[in-house]
Amino acid sequence: MSTIFRTLRNLRRVGIRDALHQMQHQGDTKAGTLIGMDRFGNKYFENLEDELPLRTRWVDYKEYEFEPSQIEPGWHAWISYSVDKPPTQDTILQTGIRPWELPKHNPNLTFSRSAYKPYSTVKPKLTAWTPVTASRV
């Protein structure tokens, strides 16, 4: 949650369209420099002057229904402060698409209707008890 002065300052910096987009998707307005984009179309920003420590880097997801698995590994290392240089400047993180990677993003389906649901193929060790009552006379 930010103060009204910070929100108005960021509104003046980024414009009303981007500020409304940020309020709808992130719940906060932030102004910073665009560091880069990944192959999914996500934009990565940084602001070292005006933001709180460990809140200086953020992602603007391309899709409205976003999930953290849409961040590439190099960008994930940068956004979680594991490395100082973004993948656009670090030669180690500029690996591109590896041969074993899927060319298209495979979403994490946990807590959705398409989630994996295991089933048991083993006979149950316990059986359910069904009470039998005798009729009273």
N, C-alpha and C. Protein backbone atom coordinates (compact mmCIF):
# COMPACT_ATOMS: atom_id res chain seq x y z
N MET A 1 0.85 -1.17 0.00
CA MET A 1 0.00 0.00 0.00
C MET A 1 0.90 1.23 0.00
N SER A 2 0.58 2.14 -0.83
CA SER A 2 1.40 3.33 -0.94
C SER A 2 0.62 4.55 -0.48
N THR A 3 1.35 5.62 -0.28
CA THR A 3 0.71 6.86 0.14
C THR A 3 0.08 7.54 -1.07
N ILE A 4 -0.78 8.49 -0.82
CA ILE A 4 -1.45 9.20 -1.91
C ILE A 4 -0.46 10.06 -2.68
N PHE A 5 0.55 10.59 -1.99
CA PHE A 5 1.55 11.41 -2.67
C PHE A 5 2.41 10.56 -3.62
N ARG A 6 2.77 9.37 -3.17
CA ARG A 6 3.55 8.47 -4.02
C ARG A 6 2.73 8.03 -5.22
N THR A 7 1.46 7.74 -5.01
CA THR A 7 0.58 7.34 -6.11
C THR A 7 0.43 8.46 -7.12
N LEU A 8 0.24 9.69 -6.65
CA LEU A 8 0.10 10.83 -7.57
C LEU A 8 1.41 11.11 -8.32
N ARG A 9 2.54 10.96 -7.64
CA ARG A 9 3.84 11.15 -8.29
C ARG A 9 4.04 10.11 -9.39
N ASN A 10 3.71 8.85 -9.10
CA ASN A 10 3.86 7.81 -10.12
C ASN A 10 2.84 7.99 -11.24
N LEU A 11 1.66 8.50 -10.93
CA LEU A 11 0.66 8.78 -11.96
C LEU A 11 1.18 9.83 -12.93
N ARG A 12 1.85 10.85 -12.40
CA ARG A 12 2.42 11.88 -13.26
C ARG A 12 3.57 11.33 -14.10
N ARG A 13 4.34 10.38 -13.55
CA ARG A 13 5.49 9.83 -14.28
C ARG A 13 5.09 8.85 -15.38
N VAL A 14 4.16 7.95 -15.09
CA VAL A 14 3.85 6.89 -16.06
C VAL A 14 2.63 7.21 -16.92
N GLY A 15 1.81 8.14 -16.52
CA GLY A 15 0.61 8.46 -17.29
C GLY A 15 -0.60 7.73 -16.74
N ILE A 16 -1.77 8.20 -17.10
CA ILE A 16 -3.00 7.67 -16.52
C ILE A 16 -3.29 6.25 -17.02
N ARG A 17 -2.97 5.97 -18.29
CA ARG A 17 -3.26 4.64 -18.84
C ARG A 17 -2.44 3.56 -18.13
N ASP A 18 -1.13 3.78 -18.01
CA ASP A 18 -0.28 2.79 -17.34
C ASP A 18 -0.57 2.72 -15.86
N ALA A 19 -0.92 3.84 -15.24
CA ALA A 19 -1.24 3.83 -13.81
C ALA A 19 -2.50 3.02 -13.54
N LEU A 20 -3.51 3.17 -14.38
CA LEU A 20 -4.73 2.38 -14.21
C LEU A 20 -4.46 0.90 -14.48
N HIS A 21 -3.61 0.61 -15.46
CA HIS A 21 -3.23 -0.78 -15.74
C HIS A 21 -2.52 -1.39 -14.53
N GLN A 22 -1.60 -0.63 -13.92
CA GLN A 22 -0.88 -1.13 -12.75
C GLN A 22 -1.82 -1.31 -11.56
N MET A 23 -2.74 -0.39 -11.37
CA MET A 23 -3.67 -0.53 -10.24
C MET A 23 -4.56 -1.76 -10.42
N GLN A 24 -4.95 -2.05 -11.66
CA GLN A 24 -5.80 -3.20 -11.90
C GLN A 24 -5.04 -4.52 -11.77
N HIS A 25 -3.80 -4.58 -12.25
CA HIS A 25 -3.06 -5.83 -12.27
C HIS A 25 -2.16 -6.02 -11.05
N GLN A 26 -1.57 -4.95 -10.53
CA GLN A 26 -0.63 -5.08 -9.41
C GLN A 26 -1.18 -4.55 -8.10
N GLY A 27 -2.14 -3.65 -8.16
CA GLY A 27 -2.67 -3.06 -6.94
C GLY A 27 -1.84 -1.91 -6.41
N ASP A 28 -0.88 -1.44 -7.19
CA ASP A 28 0.00 -0.37 -6.77
C ASP A 28 0.54 0.31 -8.02
N THR A 29 0.89 1.60 -7.90
CA THR A 29 1.50 2.28 -9.03
C THR A 29 3.00 2.35 -8.80
N LYS A 30 3.76 2.04 -9.84
CA LYS A 30 5.22 2.08 -9.77
C LYS A 30 5.75 2.71 -11.03
N ALA A 31 6.80 3.50 -10.87
CA ALA A 31 7.46 4.13 -12.01
C ALA A 31 8.92 3.68 -11.98
N GLY A 32 9.40 3.20 -13.11
CA GLY A 32 10.78 2.74 -13.18
C GLY A 32 11.23 2.61 -14.61
N THR A 33 12.46 2.16 -14.77
CA THR A 33 13.02 2.00 -16.10
C THR A 33 12.78 0.58 -16.58
N LEU A 34 12.45 0.45 -17.85
CA LEU A 34 12.25 -0.86 -18.46
C LEU A 34 13.62 -1.51 -18.66
N ILE A 35 13.82 -2.65 -18.02
CA ILE A 35 15.09 -3.36 -18.11
C ILE A 35 15.10 -4.30 -19.31
N GLY A 36 13.98 -4.97 -19.56
CA GLY A 36 13.93 -5.87 -20.69
C GLY A 36 12.62 -6.62 -20.77
N MET A 37 12.50 -7.44 -21.82
CA MET A 37 11.33 -8.29 -22.03
C MET A 37 11.82 -9.72 -22.25
N ASP A 38 11.00 -10.68 -21.84
CA ASP A 38 11.35 -12.08 -22.10
C ASP A 38 10.58 -12.59 -23.30
N ARG A 39 10.74 -13.85 -23.62
CA ARG A 39 10.11 -14.40 -24.83
C ARG A 39 8.60 -14.55 -24.68
N PHE A 40 8.07 -14.48 -23.46
CA PHE A 40 6.62 -14.55 -23.25
C PHE A 40 5.96 -13.19 -23.38
N GLY A 41 6.74 -12.11 -23.47
CA GLY A 41 6.19 -10.77 -23.58
C GLY A 41 6.08 -10.04 -22.26
N ASN A 42 6.57 -10.62 -21.15
CA ASN A 42 6.54 -9.95 -19.86
C ASN A 42 7.59 -8.85 -19.82
N LYS A 43 7.26 -7.72 -19.19
CA LYS A 43 8.18 -6.59 -19.09
C LYS A 43 8.74 -6.53 -17.67
N TYR A 44 10.03 -6.26 -17.56
CA TYR A 44 10.71 -6.22 -16.27
C TYR A 44 11.21 -4.81 -16.02
N PHE A 45 10.92 -4.28 -14.84
CA PHE A 45 11.24 -2.90 -14.48
C PHE A 45 12.09 -2.87 -13.22
N GLU A 46 12.78 -1.73 -13.05
CA GLU A 46 13.59 -1.51 -11.85
C GLU A 46 13.59 -0.03 -11.52
N ASN A 47 13.51 0.28 -10.22
CA ASN A 47 13.59 1.65 -9.73
C ASN A 47 14.35 1.60 -8.42
N LEU A 48 15.60 2.06 -8.43
CA LEU A 48 16.44 1.98 -7.24
C LEU A 48 16.32 3.20 -6.34
N GLU A 49 15.74 4.31 -6.84
CA GLU A 49 15.72 5.53 -6.05
C GLU A 49 14.50 5.64 -5.13
N ASP A 50 13.32 5.40 -5.68
CA ASP A 50 12.10 5.75 -4.96
C ASP A 50 11.43 4.58 -4.24
N GLU A 51 11.81 3.35 -4.52
CA GLU A 51 11.13 2.21 -3.93
C GLU A 51 11.82 1.74 -2.66
N LEU A 52 11.08 0.97 -1.88
CA LEU A 52 11.62 0.39 -0.66
C LEU A 52 12.62 -0.71 -1.00
N PRO A 53 13.55 -1.02 -0.09
CA PRO A 53 14.50 -2.09 -0.37
C PRO A 53 13.77 -3.42 -0.61
N LEU A 54 14.29 -4.20 -1.52
CA LEU A 54 13.75 -5.49 -1.96
C LEU A 54 12.37 -5.37 -2.61
N ARG A 55 11.98 -4.15 -3.00
CA ARG A 55 10.77 -3.94 -3.79
C ARG A 55 11.10 -3.08 -5.00
N THR A 56 12.36 -3.13 -5.43
CA THR A 56 12.81 -2.27 -6.51
C THR A 56 12.65 -2.91 -7.88
N ARG A 57 12.34 -4.19 -7.95
CA ARG A 57 12.19 -4.88 -9.23
C ARG A 57 10.79 -5.49 -9.30
N TRP A 58 10.18 -5.39 -10.47
CA TRP A 58 8.85 -5.97 -10.61
C TRP A 58 8.60 -6.37 -12.05
N VAL A 59 7.54 -7.17 -12.24
CA VAL A 59 7.17 -7.71 -13.56
C VAL A 59 5.80 -7.17 -13.93
N ASP A 60 5.66 -6.81 -15.19
CA ASP A 60 4.36 -6.50 -15.74
C ASP A 60 4.05 -7.64 -16.71
N TYR A 61 3.18 -8.55 -16.27
CA TYR A 61 2.87 -9.74 -17.06
C TYR A 61 2.07 -9.36 -18.30
N LYS A 62 2.32 -10.07 -19.37
CA LYS A 62 1.59 -9.82 -20.61
C LYS A 62 0.14 -10.28 -20.48
N GLU A 63 -0.07 -11.42 -19.89
CA GLU A 63 -1.41 -12.00 -19.77
C GLU A 63 -2.07 -11.51 -18.48
N TYR A 64 -3.39 -11.35 -18.55
CA TYR A 64 -4.11 -10.93 -17.35
C TYR A 64 -4.16 -12.06 -16.32
N GLU A 65 -4.35 -13.28 -16.79
CA GLU A 65 -4.34 -14.45 -15.90
C GLU A 65 -2.89 -14.92 -15.77
N PHE A 66 -2.12 -14.24 -14.94
CA PHE A 66 -0.70 -14.54 -14.84
C PHE A 66 -0.44 -15.55 -13.73
N GLU A 67 0.72 -16.16 -13.79
CA GLU A 67 1.19 -17.06 -12.76
C GLU A 67 2.72 -16.98 -12.74
N PRO A 68 3.32 -17.24 -11.60
CA PRO A 68 4.78 -17.10 -11.51
C PRO A 68 5.57 -18.05 -12.40
N SER A 69 4.97 -19.12 -12.88
CA SER A 69 5.72 -20.02 -13.76
C SER A 69 5.92 -19.42 -15.14
N GLN A 70 5.35 -18.25 -15.42
CA GLN A 70 5.56 -17.59 -16.70
C GLN A 70 6.85 -16.79 -16.74
N ILE A 71 7.63 -16.80 -15.67
CA ILE A 71 8.91 -16.09 -15.63
C ILE A 71 10.01 -17.07 -16.00
N GLU A 72 10.86 -16.68 -16.93
CA GLU A 72 11.98 -17.53 -17.33
C GLU A 72 12.99 -17.63 -16.19
N PRO A 73 13.82 -18.69 -16.16
CA PRO A 73 14.75 -18.88 -15.04
C PRO A 73 15.75 -17.73 -14.85
N GLY A 74 16.28 -17.18 -15.94
CA GLY A 74 17.23 -16.07 -15.80
C GLY A 74 16.58 -14.84 -15.20
N TRP A 75 15.37 -14.52 -15.66
CA TRP A 75 14.65 -13.37 -15.11
C TRP A 75 14.21 -13.65 -13.68
N HIS A 76 13.90 -14.90 -13.37
CA HIS A 76 13.52 -15.24 -11.99
C HIS A 76 14.70 -15.01 -11.05
N ALA A 77 15.90 -15.38 -11.48
CA ALA A 77 17.08 -15.14 -10.66
C ALA A 77 17.31 -13.66 -10.44
N TRP A 78 17.06 -12.85 -11.47
CA TRP A 78 17.26 -11.40 -11.34
C TRP A 78 16.19 -10.78 -10.45
N ILE A 79 14.93 -11.16 -10.64
CA ILE A 79 13.86 -10.50 -9.89
C ILE A 79 13.86 -10.90 -8.42
N SER A 80 14.42 -12.07 -8.10
CA SER A 80 14.50 -12.49 -6.70
C SER A 80 15.84 -12.12 -6.06
N TYR A 81 16.60 -11.23 -6.72
CA TYR A 81 17.85 -10.68 -6.20
C TYR A 81 18.94 -11.75 -6.01
N SER A 82 18.90 -12.83 -6.80
CA SER A 82 19.96 -13.83 -6.75
C SER A 82 21.18 -13.36 -7.54
N VAL A 83 20.95 -12.58 -8.59
CA VAL A 83 22.04 -12.00 -9.39
C VAL A 83 21.80 -10.50 -9.50
N ASP A 84 22.88 -9.77 -9.76
CA ASP A 84 22.77 -8.31 -9.85
C ASP A 84 22.44 -7.84 -11.26
N LYS A 85 22.96 -8.54 -12.28
CA LYS A 85 22.73 -8.12 -13.66
C LYS A 85 21.53 -8.86 -14.24
N PRO A 86 20.71 -8.16 -15.00
CA PRO A 86 19.59 -8.86 -15.67
C PRO A 86 20.11 -9.74 -16.79
N PRO A 87 19.28 -10.67 -17.28
CA PRO A 87 19.74 -11.56 -18.35
C PRO A 87 20.12 -10.84 -19.65
N THR A 88 19.69 -9.60 -19.82
CA THR A 88 20.09 -8.87 -21.02
C THR A 88 21.55 -8.45 -20.95
N GLN A 89 22.14 -8.39 -19.75
CA GLN A 89 23.53 -7.96 -19.59
C GLN A 89 24.46 -9.09 -19.16
N ASP A 90 23.91 -10.19 -18.64
CA ASP A 90 24.73 -11.29 -18.14
C ASP A 90 24.86 -12.37 -19.21
N THR A 91 26.10 -12.71 -19.57
CA THR A 91 26.31 -13.69 -20.63
C THR A 91 25.95 -15.10 -20.18
N ILE A 92 26.06 -15.40 -18.91
CA ILE A 92 25.72 -16.74 -18.42
C ILE A 92 24.22 -16.97 -18.50
N LEU A 93 23.43 -15.95 -18.21
CA LEU A 93 21.98 -16.10 -18.22
C LEU A 93 21.38 -16.01 -19.63
N GLN A 94 22.17 -15.62 -20.61
CA GLN A 94 21.68 -15.51 -21.99
C GLN A 94 21.85 -16.84 -22.72
N THR A 95 21.21 -17.86 -22.21
CA THR A 95 21.35 -19.19 -22.81
C THR A 95 20.35 -19.43 -23.91
N GLY A 96 19.26 -18.69 -23.93
CA GLY A 96 18.24 -18.91 -24.95
C GLY A 96 17.41 -20.14 -24.62
N ILE A 97 16.83 -20.71 -25.63
CA ILE A 97 16.01 -21.91 -25.44
C ILE A 97 16.92 -23.13 -25.52
N ARG A 98 16.91 -23.93 -24.48
CA ARG A 98 17.72 -25.14 -24.45
C ARG A 98 17.01 -26.24 -25.26
N PRO A 99 17.75 -27.25 -25.72
CA PRO A 99 17.11 -28.30 -26.53
C PRO A 99 16.05 -29.09 -25.76
N TRP A 100 16.19 -29.20 -24.44
CA TRP A 100 15.24 -29.99 -23.67
C TRP A 100 14.04 -29.18 -23.20
N GLU A 101 14.05 -27.86 -23.42
CA GLU A 101 12.93 -27.03 -23.00
C GLU A 101 11.78 -27.12 -23.99
N LEU A 102 10.58 -26.96 -23.46
CA LEU A 102 9.42 -26.91 -24.33
C LEU A 102 9.38 -25.56 -25.04
N PRO A 103 9.10 -25.53 -26.33
CA PRO A 103 9.08 -24.24 -27.03
C PRO A 103 7.91 -23.36 -26.61
N LYS A 104 6.82 -23.97 -26.17
CA LYS A 104 5.65 -23.22 -25.73
C LYS A 104 5.50 -23.37 -24.23
N HIS A 105 5.04 -22.35 -23.57
CA HIS A 105 4.89 -22.38 -22.12
C HIS A 105 3.82 -23.38 -21.70
N ASN A 106 4.16 -24.23 -20.74
CA ASN A 106 3.22 -25.19 -20.19
C ASN A 106 2.79 -24.66 -18.82
N PRO A 107 1.55 -24.20 -18.66
CA PRO A 107 1.17 -23.54 -17.41
C PRO A 107 1.08 -24.51 -16.24
N ASN A 108 1.22 -23.96 -15.06
CA ASN A 108 1.05 -24.71 -13.82
C ASN A 108 -0.45 -24.80 -13.55
N LEU A 109 -0.99 -25.99 -13.56
CA LEU A 109 -2.44 -26.18 -13.47
C LEU A 109 -2.92 -26.48 -12.05
N THR A 110 -2.08 -26.29 -11.06
CA THR A 110 -2.49 -26.54 -9.69
C THR A 110 -3.67 -25.65 -9.32
N PHE A 111 -4.62 -26.20 -8.57
CA PHE A 111 -5.84 -25.51 -8.13
C PHE A 111 -6.73 -25.08 -9.30
N SER A 112 -6.65 -25.79 -10.40
CA SER A 112 -7.56 -25.52 -11.50
C SER A 112 -8.31 -26.81 -11.80
N ARG A 113 -9.27 -26.74 -12.70
CA ARG A 113 -10.04 -27.93 -13.04
C ARG A 113 -9.20 -28.93 -13.82
N SER A 114 -8.13 -28.47 -14.43
CA SER A 114 -7.28 -29.36 -15.23
C SER A 114 -6.11 -29.92 -14.44
N ALA A 115 -6.11 -29.75 -13.14
CA ALA A 115 -4.99 -30.22 -12.32
C ALA A 115 -4.93 -31.75 -12.32
N TYR A 116 -3.75 -32.27 -12.10
CA TYR A 116 -3.55 -33.71 -12.03
C TYR A 116 -4.18 -34.24 -10.75
N LYS A 117 -5.00 -35.27 -10.90
CA LYS A 117 -5.64 -35.88 -9.74
C LYS A 117 -5.25 -37.35 -9.71
N PRO A 118 -4.42 -37.76 -8.77
CA PRO A 118 -4.01 -39.16 -8.74
C PRO A 118 -5.17 -40.05 -8.26
N TYR A 119 -5.13 -41.27 -8.67
CA TYR A 119 -6.11 -42.24 -8.21
C TYR A 119 -5.37 -43.47 -7.72
N SER A 120 -6.00 -44.22 -6.83
CA SER A 120 -5.36 -45.37 -6.22
C SER A 120 -5.69 -46.63 -7.01
N THR A 121 -4.67 -47.43 -7.26
CA THR A 121 -4.87 -48.71 -7.92
C THR A 121 -4.72 -49.86 -6.93
N VAL A 122 -4.57 -49.54 -5.67
CA VAL A 122 -4.35 -50.54 -4.63
C VAL A 122 -5.67 -50.80 -3.92
N LYS A 123 -5.89 -52.06 -3.57
CA LYS A 123 -7.09 -52.41 -2.83
C LYS A 123 -7.02 -51.75 -1.45
N PRO A 124 -8.11 -51.14 -0.99
CA PRO A 124 -8.06 -50.49 0.31
C PRO A 124 -7.80 -51.50 1.44
N LYS A 125 -7.00 -51.08 2.41
CA LYS A 125 -6.67 -51.96 3.53
C LYS A 125 -7.81 -52.01 4.54
N LEU A 126 -8.58 -50.98 4.60
CA LEU A 126 -9.70 -50.93 5.53
C LEU A 126 -10.99 -50.92 4.74
N THR A 127 -12.00 -51.50 5.29
CA THR A 127 -13.31 -51.46 4.66
C THR A 127 -14.23 -50.61 5.51
N ALA A 128 -15.16 -50.00 4.88
CA ALA A 128 -16.09 -49.14 5.60
C ALA A 128 -17.05 -50.00 6.42
N TRP A 129 -17.39 -49.53 7.58
CA TRP A 129 -18.28 -50.24 8.49
C TRP A 129 -19.70 -49.77 8.24
N THR A 130 -20.57 -50.72 8.01
CA THR A 130 -21.99 -50.38 7.84
C THR A 130 -22.72 -50.98 9.04
N PRO A 131 -23.33 -50.16 9.86
CA PRO A 131 -24.00 -50.67 11.06
C PRO A 131 -25.27 -51.46 10.70
N VAL A 132 -25.46 -52.55 11.40
CA VAL A 132 -26.66 -53.37 11.23
C VAL A 132 -27.43 -53.30 12.54
N THR A 133 -28.65 -52.90 12.45
CA THR A 133 -29.47 -52.80 13.68
C THR A 133 -30.54 -53.87 13.67
N ALA A 134 -30.79 -54.37 14.84
CA ALA A 134 -31.86 -55.36 14.99
C ALA A 134 -33.15 -54.64 15.32
N SER A 135 -34.24 -55.10 14.81
CA SER A 135 -35.51 -54.44 15.10
C SER A 135 -35.93 -54.74 16.54
N ARG A 136 -36.53 -53.81 17.19
CA ARG A 136 -36.97 -53.96 18.58
C ARG A 136 -38.39 -54.52 18.62
N VAL A 137 -38.59 -55.28 19.62
CA VAL A 137 -39.90 -55.89 19.77
C VAL A 137 -40.77 -55.14 20.76
